[in-house]
Amino acid sequence: MNSDEIGIVVIGRNEGQRLVSCLQSLRSSPHKLVYVDSGSTDGSTSVAAELGAYVVHLDAARPFTAARARNEGVAALKEISPDTKFVQFVDGDCEVDRGWIDIATVFLQNHPNVAVVCGRRRERFPDKSIFIALADIEWNTPCGEAASCGGDSMVRMDAFDIVGGFSPRLIAGEEPELCARLRERAWKIWRLDAEMTRHDINLTRFSQWWRRIVRSGYGYAELSRLTRRAQFPLYRAESTSAVLWGSPLPAALARAVLIHPFALALVLIYLRVIRIACRRGPNTRMAWYYATFIVIAKFAELEGILKFYSARASGLSFRRIDYKGSKA
């Protein structure tokens, strides 16, 4: 395939050295590279230009979202490379594996019914904190046909155009929402057993992890409502789970235990959930960490759900929920 038929769109905001590492991982690529910046103040745009990227500055008059950034990146890519057939999306805090773009391209060429293909995203520093280790487990989803992809993926341009790209107003969950619309058009989403990117999520504090999960909960609520009548409704189960497990029920149960010992049986339900979730971790110790945080996350998810419905009831416009202050 001609190198002009493959393009790369990187998005970022104040990613610093992470962006440098990202763009350096792509320097040997012969494909057109677009960097979309969401109001960085750390010189990211100058660095990106020096490293060979075509830079797009998002207008701050409109709210920044990753979805909007990717859409505008595609628009710029079409202008500088009209023959683009496949576009690789990359978050600015990720390094792309040297062989990934070729692997993804060949797969899409050989599978004309697949619109999106992704591979294995790993954390660069999984031992730096428990929160980074949890993210590394989160990225390890099953290979084969999938319901959705993440921020790093290669997308077939004509399929992307048919459904109108990402929904620019979504502050979270824009990738699953795009994939749901693609699947409604009979396109398939695929995850390969291949190394794709190394991600530097840089979560070192509980407060950062909590905000990230609040953001997920907000996305669950928004997408659950948006797709409630769609062929592939999104996050209905996740939203229900967050409400059930993160509601005042735990506090009520704790009080009930003090009043009546038989209420302890209800508390054991939580312990059972933790036990089941333990199967996800790579080892016994990490499994317990993962399971415990899965339960704690329900409370943060519920906060995000309440934020969404509170904003909706107040008629307020959406706003970003930053968890590390550097993501587009």
C-alpha atoms as a PDB file:
ATOM      1  CA  MET A   1       0.000   0.000   0.000  1.00  0.00           C
ATOM      2  CA  ASN A   2       1.195   3.511  -0.843  1.00  0.00           C
ATOM      3  CA  SER A   3       2.391   5.445   2.209  1.00  0.00           C
ATOM      4  CA  ASP A   4      -0.013   8.282   1.306  1.00  0.00           C
ATOM      5  CA  GLU A   5      -2.929   5.934   1.933  1.00  0.00           C
ATOM      6  CA  ILE A   6      -2.110   5.654   5.652  1.00  0.00           C
ATOM      7  CA  GLY A   7      -2.261   8.616   8.027  1.00  0.00           C
ATOM      8  CA  ILE A   8      -1.623   9.131  11.733  1.00  0.00           C
ATOM      9  CA  VAL A   9      -3.538  11.432  14.084  1.00  0.00           C
ATOM     10  CA  VAL A  10      -2.035  12.139  17.505  1.00  0.00           C
ATOM     11  CA  ILE A  11      -3.960  14.139  20.103  1.00  0.00           C
ATOM     12  CA  GLY A  12      -2.646  15.709  23.284  1.00  0.00           C
ATOM     13  CA  ARG A  13      -2.620  18.469  25.857  1.00  0.00           C
ATOM     14  CA  ASN A  14       0.409  19.355  27.986  1.00  0.00           C
ATOM     15  CA  GLU A  15       1.887  15.876  27.613  1.00  0.00           C
ATOM     16  CA  GLY A  16       5.476  17.134  27.813  1.00  0.00           C
ATOM     17  CA  GLN A  17       8.076  14.385  27.454  1.00  0.00           C
ATOM     18  CA  ARG A  18       5.328  11.830  26.861  1.00  0.00           C
ATOM     19  CA  LEU A  19       4.440  13.595  23.612  1.00  0.00           C
ATOM     20  CA  VAL A  20       8.109  13.696  22.597  1.00  0.00           C
ATOM     21  CA  SER A  21       8.368   9.934  23.150  1.00  0.00           C
ATOM     22  CA  CYS A  22       5.138   9.407  21.217  1.00  0.00           C
ATOM     23  CA  LEU A  23       6.237  11.387  18.166  1.00  0.00           C
ATOM     24  CA  GLN A  24       9.743   9.933  18.226  1.00  0.00           C
ATOM     25  CA  SER A  25       8.230   6.445  18.057  1.00  0.00           C
ATOM     26  CA  LEU A  26       6.602   7.531  14.779  1.00  0.00           C
ATOM     27  CA  ARG A  27       9.540   9.398  13.196  1.00  0.00           C
ATOM     28  CA  SER A  28      10.611   6.444  11.081  1.00  0.00           C
ATOM     29  CA  SER A  29       7.089   6.118   9.656  1.00  0.00           C
ATOM     30  CA  PRO A  30       6.683   7.336   6.056  1.00  0.00           C
ATOM     31  CA  HIS A  31       3.035   8.211   6.660  1.00  0.00           C
ATOM     32  CA  LYS A  32       1.521  11.666   7.072  1.00  0.00           C
ATOM     33  CA  LEU A  33       1.410  12.698  10.730  1.00  0.00           C
ATOM     34  CA  VAL A  34      -1.046  15.191  12.251  1.00  0.00           C
ATOM     35  CA  TYR A  35      -0.838  16.419  15.833  1.00  0.00           C
ATOM     36  CA  VAL A  36      -3.956  18.045  17.326  1.00  0.00           C
ATOM     37  CA  ASP A  37      -3.405  20.182  20.406  1.00  0.00           C
ATOM     38  CA  SER A  38      -6.079  21.083  22.947  1.00  0.00           C
ATOM     39  CA  GLY A  39      -4.719  24.287  24.420  1.00  0.00           C
ATOM     40  CA  SER A  40      -1.306  23.173  25.668  1.00  0.00           C
ATOM     41  CA  THR A  41       0.820  25.669  27.574  1.00  0.00           C
ATOM     42  CA  ASP A  42       4.024  23.593  27.691  1.00  0.00           C
ATOM     43  CA  GLY A  43       5.279  24.182  24.158  1.00  0.00           C
ATOM     44  CA  SER A  44       3.822  20.951  22.806  1.00  0.00           C
ATOM     45  CA  THR A  45       2.909  22.466  19.462  1.00  0.00           C
ATOM     46  CA  SER A  46       6.445  23.698  18.786  1.00  0.00           C
ATOM     47  CA  VAL A  47       7.899  20.333  19.757  1.00  0.00           C
ATOM     48  CA  ALA A  48       5.432  18.529  17.492  1.00  0.00           C
ATOM     49  CA  ALA A  49       6.293  20.757  14.544  1.00  0.00           C
ATOM     50  CA  GLU A  50      10.014  20.212  15.112  1.00  0.00           C
ATOM     51  CA  LEU A  51       9.444  16.459  15.085  1.00  0.00           C
ATOM     52  CA  GLY A  52       7.723  16.600  11.694  1.00  0.00           C
ATOM     53  CA  ALA A  53       4.027  16.716  12.564  1.00  0.00           C
ATOM     54  CA  TYR A  54       1.442  18.893  10.878  1.00  0.00           C
ATOM     55  CA  VAL A  55      -0.004  20.794  13.848  1.00  0.00           C
ATOM     56  CA  VAL A  56      -3.665  21.644  14.393  1.00  0.00           C
ATOM     57  CA  HIS A  57      -4.596  24.091  17.177  1.00  0.00           C
ATOM     58  CA  LEU A  58      -8.118  23.565  18.486  1.00  0.00           C
ATOM     59  CA  ASP A  59     -10.132  26.742  18.883  1.00  0.00           C
ATOM     60  CA  ALA A  60     -10.625  27.326  22.628  1.00  0.00           C
ATOM     61  CA  ALA A  61     -13.993  28.954  21.955  1.00  0.00           C
ATOM     62  CA  ARG A  62     -15.449  25.443  21.791  1.00  0.00           C
ATOM     63  CA  PRO A  63     -15.026  22.830  24.554  1.00  0.00           C
ATOM     64  CA  PHE A  64     -12.062  20.494  24.193  1.00  0.00           C
ATOM     65  CA  THR A  65     -12.788  16.766  23.899  1.00  0.00           C
ATOM     66  CA  ALA A  66     -10.749  13.870  22.587  1.00  0.00           C
ATOM     67  CA  ALA A  67     -13.552  13.144  20.108  1.00  0.00           C
ATOM     68  CA  ARG A  68     -13.445  16.653  18.679  1.00  0.00           C
ATOM     69  CA  ALA A  69      -9.647  16.546  18.501  1.00  0.00           C
ATOM     70  CA  ARG A  70      -9.661  13.300  16.535  1.00  0.00           C
ATOM     71  CA  ASN A  71     -12.332  14.565  14.133  1.00  0.00           C
ATOM     72  CA  GLU A  72     -10.392  17.734  13.407  1.00  0.00           C
ATOM     73  CA  GLY A  73      -7.240  15.685  13.006  1.00  0.00           C
ATOM     74  CA  VAL A  74      -8.943  13.575  10.357  1.00  0.00           C
ATOM     75  CA  ALA A  75     -10.171  16.712   8.588  1.00  0.00           C
ATOM     76  CA  ALA A  76      -6.611  18.058   8.472  1.00  0.00           C
ATOM     77  CA  LEU A  77      -5.283  14.705   7.311  1.00  0.00           C
ATOM     78  CA  LYS A  78      -7.714  14.705   4.395  1.00  0.00           C
ATOM     79  CA  GLU A  79      -6.468  18.129   3.342  1.00  0.00           C
ATOM     80  CA  ILE A  80      -2.784  17.226   3.319  1.00  0.00           C
ATOM     81  CA  SER A  81      -3.293  13.627   2.172  1.00  0.00           C
ATOM     82  CA  PRO A  82      -6.589  13.190   0.291  1.00  0.00           C
ATOM     83  CA  ASP A  83      -5.831   9.565  -0.627  1.00  0.00           C
ATOM     84  CA  THR A  84      -5.805   8.367   3.001  1.00  0.00           C
ATOM     85  CA  LYS A  85      -7.609   5.045   3.383  1.00  0.00           C
ATOM     86  CA  PHE A  86      -6.603   4.087   6.922  1.00  0.00           C
ATOM     87  CA  VAL A  87      -5.995   6.385   9.893  1.00  0.00           C
ATOM     88  CA  GLN A  88      -4.119   5.386  13.026  1.00  0.00           C
ATOM     89  CA  PHE A  89      -5.318   7.244  16.118  1.00  0.00           C
ATOM     90  CA  VAL A  90      -2.795   7.650  18.915  1.00  0.00           C
ATOM     91  CA  ASP A  91      -3.069   9.371  22.285  1.00  0.00           C
ATOM     92  CA  GLY A  92      -0.163  11.714  22.941  1.00  0.00           C
ATOM     93  CA  ASP A  93       0.933   9.789  26.020  1.00  0.00           C
ATOM     94  CA  CYS A  94       1.551   6.575  24.046  1.00  0.00           C
ATOM     95  CA  GLU A  95       4.519   5.175  22.150  1.00  0.00           C
ATOM     96  CA  VAL A  96       3.611   3.120  19.076  1.00  0.00           C
ATOM     97  CA  ASP A  97       5.231  -0.276  18.627  1.00  0.00           C
ATOM     98  CA  ARG A  98       7.522  -0.324  15.600  1.00  0.00           C
ATOM     99  CA  GLY A  99       5.661  -3.083  13.769  1.00  0.00           C
ATOM    100  CA  TRP A 100       2.095  -2.194  14.686  1.00  0.00           C
ATOM    101  CA  ILE A 101       1.057   0.041  11.796  1.00  0.00           C
ATOM    102  CA  ASP A 102       2.154  -2.534   9.218  1.00  0.00           C
ATOM    103  CA  ILE A 103       0.342  -5.322  11.106  1.00  0.00           C
ATOM    104  CA  ALA A 104      -2.872  -3.306  11.370  1.00  0.00           C
ATOM    105  CA  THR A 105      -2.730  -2.219   7.728  1.00  0.00           C
ATOM    106  CA  VAL A 106      -2.312  -5.755   6.420  1.00  0.00           C
ATOM    107  CA  PHE A 107      -5.176  -6.966   8.607  1.00  0.00           C
ATOM    108  CA  LEU A 108      -7.568  -4.295   7.319  1.00  0.00           C
ATOM    109  CA  GLN A 109      -6.527  -4.992   3.732  1.00  0.00           C
ATOM    110  CA  ASN A 110      -7.274  -8.697   4.201  1.00  0.00           C
ATOM    111  CA  HIS A 111     -10.545  -8.146   6.102  1.00  0.00           C
ATOM    112  CA  PRO A 112     -12.697  -5.654   4.174  1.00  0.00           C
ATOM    113  CA  ASN A 113     -15.592  -6.068   6.637  1.00  0.00           C
ATOM    114  CA  VAL A 114     -13.504  -4.805   9.580  1.00  0.00           C
ATOM    115  CA  ALA A 115     -13.693  -1.057  10.255  1.00  0.00           C
ATOM    116  CA  VAL A 116     -11.479  -0.797  13.339  1.00  0.00           C
ATOM    117  CA  VAL A 117      -8.510  -2.831  14.505  1.00  0.00           C
ATOM    118  CA  CYS A 118      -6.542  -2.473  17.719  1.00  0.00           C
ATOM    119  CA  GLY A 119      -3.864  -4.436  19.548  1.00  0.00           C
ATOM    120  CA  ARG A 120      -2.340  -4.690  23.007  1.00  0.00           C
ATOM    121  CA  ARG A 121      -1.870  -1.444  24.900  1.00  0.00           C
ATOM    122  CA  ARG A 122       0.474  -1.754  27.868  1.00  0.00           C
ATOM    123  CA  GLU A 123       1.531   0.629  30.574  1.00  0.00           C
ATOM    124  CA  ARG A 124       5.173   1.726  30.389  1.00  0.00           C
ATOM    125  CA  PHE A 125       5.603   1.785  34.164  1.00  0.00           C
ATOM    126  CA  PRO A 126       3.150  -0.742  35.693  1.00  0.00           C
ATOM    127  CA  ASP A 127       5.266  -1.073  38.860  1.00  0.00           C
ATOM    128  CA  LYS A 128       5.266   2.674  39.608  1.00  0.00           C
ATOM    129  CA  SER A 129       1.909   2.618  41.441  1.00  0.00           C
ATOM    130  CA  ILE A 130      -1.042   0.345  42.092  1.00  0.00           C
ATOM    131  CA  PHE A 131      -3.204   2.633  39.945  1.00  0.00           C
ATOM    132  CA  ILE A 132      -0.945   2.184  36.914  1.00  0.00           C
ATOM    133  CA  ALA A 133      -0.898  -1.577  37.464  1.00  0.00           C
ATOM    134  CA  LEU A 134      -4.694  -1.583  37.533  1.00  0.00           C
ATOM    135  CA  ALA A 135      -4.795   0.294  34.223  1.00  0.00           C
ATOM    136  CA  ASP A 136      -2.450  -2.257  32.672  1.00  0.00           C
ATOM    137  CA  ILE A 137      -4.869  -5.024  33.632  1.00  0.00           C
ATOM    138  CA  GLU A 138      -7.778  -2.958  32.295  1.00  0.00           C
ATOM    139  CA  TRP A 139      -6.209  -2.705  28.830  1.00  0.00           C
ATOM    140  CA  ASN A 140      -5.796  -6.479  28.529  1.00  0.00           C
ATOM    141  CA  THR A 141      -9.107  -7.329  26.886  1.00  0.00           C
ATOM    142  CA  PRO A 142      -9.822 -10.532  24.884  1.00  0.00           C
ATOM    143  CA  CYS A 143      -8.528 -10.876  21.321  1.00  0.00           C
ATOM    144  CA  GLY A 144     -10.762 -11.471  18.332  1.00  0.00           C
ATOM    145  CA  GLU A 145     -13.990  -9.741  17.365  1.00  0.00           C
ATOM    146  CA  ALA A 146     -14.812  -7.049  19.917  1.00  0.00           C
ATOM    147  CA  ALA A 147     -17.605  -4.638  20.766  1.00  0.00           C
ATOM    148  CA  SER A 148     -15.309  -1.611  20.850  1.00  0.00           C
ATOM    149  CA  CYS A 149     -11.765  -0.297  20.855  1.00  0.00           C
ATOM    150  CA  GLY A 150      -9.882   2.332  22.844  1.00  0.00           C
ATOM    151  CA  GLY A 151      -8.154   5.573  21.935  1.00  0.00           C
ATOM    152  CA  ASP A 152      -5.347   3.826  20.059  1.00  0.00           C
ATOM    153  CA  SER A 153      -6.675   2.063  16.974  1.00  0.00           C
ATOM    154  CA  MET A 154      -6.529   2.003  13.177  1.00  0.00           C
ATOM    155  CA  VAL A 155      -9.768   2.917  11.436  1.00  0.00           C
ATOM    156  CA  ARG A 156     -10.910   2.493   7.858  1.00  0.00           C
ATOM    157  CA  MET A 157     -11.505   6.008   6.525  1.00  0.00           C
ATOM    158  CA  ASP A 158     -14.580   5.253   4.405  1.00  0.00           C
ATOM    159  CA  ALA A 159     -16.296   3.560   7.370  1.00  0.00           C
ATOM    160  CA  PHE A 160     -15.372   6.513   9.588  1.00  0.00           C
ATOM    161  CA  ASP A 161     -16.895   8.912   7.059  1.00  0.00           C
ATOM    162  CA  ILE A 162     -20.076   6.869   6.624  1.00  0.00           C
ATOM    163  CA  VAL A 163     -21.004   7.206  10.299  1.00  0.00           C
ATOM    164  CA  GLY A 164     -19.797  10.807  10.602  1.00  0.00           C
ATOM    165  CA  GLY A 165     -16.788  10.236  12.831  1.00  0.00           C
ATOM    166  CA  PHE A 166     -16.735  10.623  16.603  1.00  0.00           C
ATOM    167  CA  SER A 167     -19.499  12.397  18.513  1.00  0.00           C
ATOM    168  CA  PRO A 168     -17.566  15.585  19.388  1.00  0.00           C
ATOM    169  CA  ARG A 169     -19.517  16.519  22.530  1.00  0.00           C
ATOM    170  CA  LEU A 170     -18.816  13.305  24.440  1.00  0.00           C
ATOM    171  CA  ILE A 171     -16.301  13.784  27.236  1.00  0.00           C
ATOM    172  CA  ALA A 172     -15.771  10.024  27.656  1.00  0.00           C
ATOM    173  CA  GLY A 173     -16.652   6.807  25.863  1.00  0.00           C
ATOM    174  CA  GLU A 174     -16.446   8.277  22.369  1.00  0.00           C
ATOM    175  CA  GLU A 175     -14.677   5.177  21.022  1.00  0.00           C
ATOM    176  CA  PRO A 176     -17.339   2.622  22.101  1.00  0.00           C
ATOM    177  CA  GLU A 177     -20.047   4.962  20.812  1.00  0.00           C
ATOM    178  CA  LEU A 178     -18.362   5.190  17.398  1.00  0.00           C
ATOM    179  CA  CYS A 179     -17.917   1.421  17.314  1.00  0.00           C
ATOM    180  CA  ALA A 180     -21.585   0.871  18.168  1.00  0.00           C
ATOM    181  CA  ARG A 181     -22.638   2.996  15.190  1.00  0.00           C
ATOM    182  CA  LEU A 182     -20.209   1.134  12.957  1.00  0.00           C
ATOM    183  CA  ARG A 183     -21.576  -2.218  14.115  1.00  0.00           C
ATOM    184  CA  GLU A 184     -25.089  -1.020  13.303  1.00  0.00           C
ATOM    185  CA  ARG A 185     -23.822  -0.646   9.709  1.00  0.00           C
ATOM    186  CA  ALA A 186     -22.562  -4.285   9.824  1.00  0.00           C
ATOM    187  CA  TRP A 187     -18.905  -3.328  10.240  1.00  0.00           C
ATOM    188  CA  LYS A 188     -16.760  -5.382  12.607  1.00  0.00           C
ATOM    189  CA  ILE A 189     -14.324  -4.332  15.319  1.00  0.00           C
ATOM    190  CA  TRP A 190     -11.266  -6.495  15.903  1.00  0.00           C
ATOM    191  CA  ARG A 191      -8.547  -6.786  18.525  1.00  0.00           C
ATOM    192  CA  LEU A 192      -5.323  -8.502  17.495  1.00  0.00           C
ATOM    193  CA  ASP A 193      -2.874 -10.402  19.657  1.00  0.00           C
ATOM    194  CA  ALA A 194      -0.108  -7.959  18.753  1.00  0.00           C
ATOM    195  CA  GLU A 195       1.806  -5.230  20.559  1.00  0.00           C
ATOM    196  CA  MET A 196       0.368  -1.829  19.700  1.00  0.00           C
ATOM    197  CA  THR A 197       1.279   0.941  22.147  1.00  0.00           C
ATOM    198  CA  ARG A 198       3.028   1.686  25.426  1.00  0.00           C
ATOM    199  CA  HIS A 199       0.939   4.054  27.499  1.00  0.00           C
ATOM    200  CA  ASP A 200       2.172   6.390  30.237  1.00  0.00           C
ATOM    201  CA  ILE A 201      -0.958   7.052  32.275  1.00  0.00           C
ATOM    202  CA  ASN A 202       1.091   8.537  35.133  1.00  0.00           C
ATOM    203  CA  LEU A 203      -1.463   7.880  37.890  1.00  0.00           C
ATOM    204  CA  THR A 204       0.340   8.029  41.211  1.00  0.00           C
ATOM    205  CA  ARG A 205      -2.323   9.354  43.607  1.00  0.00           C
ATOM    206  CA  PHE A 206      -5.663   8.013  44.735  1.00  0.00           C
ATOM    207  CA  SER A 207      -7.301  11.351  43.909  1.00  0.00           C
ATOM    208  CA  GLN A 208      -6.212  11.021  40.257  1.00  0.00           C
ATOM    209  CA  TRP A 209      -7.532   7.467  40.062  1.00  0.00           C
ATOM    210  CA  TRP A 210     -10.824   8.577  41.647  1.00  0.00           C
ATOM    211  CA  ARG A 211     -11.350  11.404  39.119  1.00  0.00           C
ATOM    212  CA  ARG A 212     -10.617   9.014  36.275  1.00  0.00           C
ATOM    213  CA  ILE A 213     -13.332   6.653  37.501  1.00  0.00           C
ATOM    214  CA  VAL A 214     -15.748   9.574  38.043  1.00  0.00           C
ATOM    215  CA  ARG A 215     -15.122  10.451  34.402  1.00  0.00           C
ATOM    216  CA  SER A 216     -15.975   6.862  33.428  1.00  0.00           C
ATOM    217  CA  GLY A 217     -19.190   7.002  35.445  1.00  0.00           C
ATOM    218  CA  TYR A 218     -20.168  10.242  33.709  1.00  0.00           C
ATOM    219  CA  GLY A 219     -19.553   8.515  30.374  1.00  0.00           C
ATOM    220  CA  TYR A 220     -21.591   5.481  31.419  1.00  0.00           C
ATOM    221  CA  ALA A 221     -24.587   7.664  32.220  1.00  0.00           C
ATOM    222  CA  GLU A 222     -24.307   9.810  29.112  1.00  0.00           C
ATOM    223  CA  LEU A 223     -23.876   6.911  26.706  1.00  0.00           C
ATOM    224  CA  SER A 224     -26.467   4.748  28.431  1.00  0.00           C
ATOM    225  CA  ARG A 225     -29.022   7.482  27.905  1.00  0.00           C
ATOM    226  CA  LEU A 226     -27.826   8.399  24.400  1.00  0.00           C
ATOM    227  CA  THR A 227     -27.970   4.816  23.107  1.00  0.00           C
ATOM    228  CA  ARG A 228     -30.965   3.543  25.074  1.00  0.00           C
ATOM    229  CA  ARG A 229     -32.941   2.899  21.870  1.00  0.00           C
ATOM    230  CA  ALA A 230     -29.977   1.932  19.694  1.00  0.00           C
ATOM    231  CA  GLN A 231     -29.329  -1.515  18.288  1.00  0.00           C
ATOM    232  CA  PHE A 232     -26.285  -1.802  20.548  1.00  0.00           C
ATOM    233  CA  PRO A 233     -27.090   0.092  23.776  1.00  0.00           C
ATOM    234  CA  LEU A 234     -24.012   1.026  25.781  1.00  0.00           C
ATOM    235  CA  TYR A 235     -23.154   0.818  29.480  1.00  0.00           C
ATOM    236  CA  ARG A 236     -26.635  -0.086  30.693  1.00  0.00           C
ATOM    237  CA  ALA A 237     -25.265  -2.851  32.900  1.00  0.00           C
ATOM    238  CA  GLU A 238     -22.333  -0.731  34.108  1.00  0.00           C
ATOM    239  CA  SER A 239     -24.620   2.146  35.068  1.00  0.00           C
ATOM    240  CA  THR A 240     -27.014  -0.157  36.914  1.00  0.00           C
ATOM    241  CA  SER A 241     -24.141  -1.842  38.731  1.00  0.00           C
ATOM    242  CA  ALA A 242     -22.702   1.496  39.859  1.00  0.00           C
ATOM    243  CA  VAL A 243     -26.076   2.631  41.192  1.00  0.00           C
ATOM    244  CA  LEU A 244     -26.720  -0.621  43.037  1.00  0.00           C
ATOM    245  CA  TRP A 245     -23.268  -1.101  44.529  1.00  0.00           C
ATOM    246  CA  GLY A 246     -22.304   2.522  45.033  1.00  0.00           C
ATOM    247  CA  SER A 247     -25.575   3.763  46.490  1.00  0.00           C
ATOM    248  CA  PRO A 248     -26.138   4.424  50.215  1.00  0.00           C
ATOM    249  CA  LEU A 249     -26.810   0.684  50.553  1.00  0.00           C
ATOM    250  CA  PRO A 250     -23.322  -0.083  51.967  1.00  0.00           C
ATOM    251  CA  ALA A 251     -23.730   2.480  54.748  1.00  0.00           C
ATOM    252  CA  ALA A 252     -27.170   1.117  55.526  1.00  0.00           C
ATOM    253  CA  LEU A 253     -25.784  -2.399  55.662  1.00  0.00           C
ATOM    254  CA  ALA A 254     -22.980  -1.386  57.999  1.00  0.00           C
ATOM    255  CA  ARG A 255     -25.512   0.180  60.365  1.00  0.00           C
ATOM    256  CA  ALA A 256     -27.775  -2.857  60.079  1.00  0.00           C
ATOM    257  CA  VAL A 257     -24.945  -5.157  61.145  1.00  0.00           C
ATOM    258  CA  LEU A 258     -24.713  -3.239  64.404  1.00  0.00           C
ATOM    259  CA  ILE A 259     -28.464  -3.624  64.911  1.00  0.00           C
ATOM    260  CA  HIS A 260     -28.887  -7.214  63.804  1.00  0.00           C
ATOM    261  CA  PRO A 261     -26.123  -9.805  63.227  1.00  0.00           C
ATOM    262  CA  PHE A 262     -28.063 -11.513  60.447  1.00  0.00           C
ATOM    263  CA  ALA A 263     -27.500  -8.426  58.303  1.00  0.00           C
ATOM    264  CA  LEU A 264     -23.900  -9.565  58.071  1.00  0.00           C
ATOM    265  CA  ALA A 265     -25.055 -11.920  55.314  1.00  0.00           C
ATOM    266  CA  LEU A 266     -25.777  -8.898  53.123  1.00  0.00           C
ATOM    267  CA  VAL A 267     -22.300  -7.500  53.704  1.00  0.00           C
ATOM    268  CA  LEU A 268     -20.869 -10.827  52.587  1.00  0.00           C
ATOM    269  CA  ILE A 269     -22.335 -10.154  49.155  1.00  0.00           C
ATOM    270  CA  TYR A 270     -19.672  -7.462  48.712  1.00  0.00           C
ATOM    271  CA  LEU A 271     -16.981  -9.885  49.735  1.00  0.00           C
ATOM    272  CA  ARG A 272     -18.315 -12.380  47.200  1.00  0.00           C
ATOM    273  CA  VAL A 273     -18.049  -9.757  44.453  1.00  0.00           C
ATOM    274  CA  ILE A 274     -14.448  -9.127  45.428  1.00  0.00           C
ATOM    275  CA  ARG A 275     -13.733 -12.855  45.346  1.00  0.00           C
ATOM    276  CA  ILE A 276     -15.185 -13.237  41.838  1.00  0.00           C
ATOM    277  CA  ALA A 277     -13.285 -10.212  40.549  1.00  0.00           C
ATOM    278  CA  CYS A 278     -10.068 -11.729  41.869  1.00  0.00           C
ATOM    279  CA  ARG A 279      -9.924 -13.982  38.814  1.00  0.00           C
ATOM    280  CA  ARG A 280      -8.852 -10.988  36.684  1.00  0.00           C
ATOM    281  CA  GLY A 281      -5.486 -10.287  38.297  1.00  0.00           C
ATOM    282  CA  PRO A 282      -2.185 -11.754  37.039  1.00  0.00           C
ATOM    283  CA  ASN A 283      -1.306 -13.108  40.507  1.00  0.00           C
ATOM    284  CA  THR A 284      -3.009 -13.600  43.852  1.00  0.00           C
ATOM    285  CA  ARG A 285      -1.819 -10.355  45.443  1.00  0.00           C
ATOM    286  CA  MET A 286      -2.587  -8.236  42.384  1.00  0.00           C
ATOM    287  CA  ALA A 287      -5.919  -9.993  41.989  1.00  0.00           C
ATOM    288  CA  TRP A 288      -7.009  -8.879  45.442  1.00  0.00           C
ATOM    289  CA  TYR A 289      -5.914  -5.321  44.739  1.00  0.00           C
ATOM    290  CA  TYR A 290      -7.830  -5.363  41.455  1.00  0.00           C
ATOM    291  CA  ALA A 291     -10.935  -6.834  43.066  1.00  0.00           C
ATOM    292  CA  THR A 292     -10.921  -4.386  45.964  1.00  0.00           C
ATOM    293  CA  PHE A 293     -10.589  -1.373  43.685  1.00  0.00           C
ATOM    294  CA  ILE A 294     -13.351  -2.703  41.438  1.00  0.00           C
ATOM    295  CA  VAL A 295     -15.688  -2.425  44.416  1.00  0.00           C
ATOM    296  CA  ILE A 296     -14.355   1.004  45.481  1.00  0.00           C
ATOM    297  CA  ALA A 297     -14.764   2.196  41.895  1.00  0.00           C
ATOM    298  CA  LYS A 298     -18.534   1.757  42.131  1.00  0.00           C
ATOM    299  CA  PHE A 299     -18.718   4.773  44.441  1.00  0.00           C
ATOM    300  CA  ALA A 300     -16.684   6.934  42.049  1.00  0.00           C
ATOM    301  CA  GLU A 301     -18.761   5.743  39.099  1.00  0.00           C
ATOM    302  CA  LEU A 302     -21.925   6.688  40.970  1.00  0.00           C
ATOM    303  CA  GLU A 303     -20.507  10.164  41.575  1.00  0.00           C
ATOM    304  CA  GLY A 304     -19.928  10.516  37.837  1.00  0.00           C
ATOM    305  CA  ILE A 305     -23.464   9.340  37.068  1.00  0.00           C
ATOM    306  CA  LEU A 306     -24.884  11.880  39.526  1.00  0.00           C
ATOM    307  CA  LYS A 307     -22.745  14.622  37.972  1.00  0.00           C
ATOM    308  CA  PHE A 308     -24.198  13.840  34.558  1.00  0.00           C
ATOM    309  CA  TYR A 309     -27.831  13.903  35.683  1.00  0.00           C
ATOM    310  CA  SER A 310     -27.251  16.944  37.872  1.00  0.00           C
ATOM    311  CA  ALA A 311     -25.792  18.846  34.919  1.00  0.00           C
ATOM    312  CA  ARG A 312     -28.626  17.688  32.710  1.00  0.00           C
ATOM    313  CA  ALA A 313     -31.282  18.740  35.212  1.00  0.00           C
ATOM    314  CA  SER A 314     -29.616  22.131  35.629  1.00  0.00           C
ATOM    315  CA  GLY A 315     -29.360  22.658  31.896  1.00  0.00           C
ATOM    316  CA  LEU A 316     -25.613  23.121  32.184  1.00  0.00           C
ATOM    317  CA  SER A 317     -23.295  22.411  29.289  1.00  0.00           C
ATOM    318  CA  PHE A 318     -20.867  19.543  29.666  1.00  0.00           C
ATOM    319  CA  ARG A 319     -17.326  20.076  30.889  1.00  0.00           C
ATOM    320  CA  ARG A 320     -14.115  18.134  30.915  1.00  0.00           C
ATOM    321  CA  ILE A 321     -13.232  15.905  33.824  1.00  0.00           C
ATOM    322  CA  ASP A 322      -9.432  15.861  33.984  1.00  0.00           C
ATOM    323  CA  TYR A 323      -7.753  13.174  36.023  1.00  0.00           C
ATOM    324  CA  LYS A 324      -4.141  14.113  35.390  1.00  0.00           C
ATOM    325  CA  GLY A 325      -4.388  17.509  33.764  1.00  0.00           C
ATOM    326  CA  SER A 326      -2.722  16.509  30.497  1.00  0.00           C
ATOM    327  CA  LYS A 327      -5.120  14.633  28.278  1.00  0.00           C
ATOM    328  CA  ALA A 328      -6.807  16.002  25.140  1.00  0.00           C
END
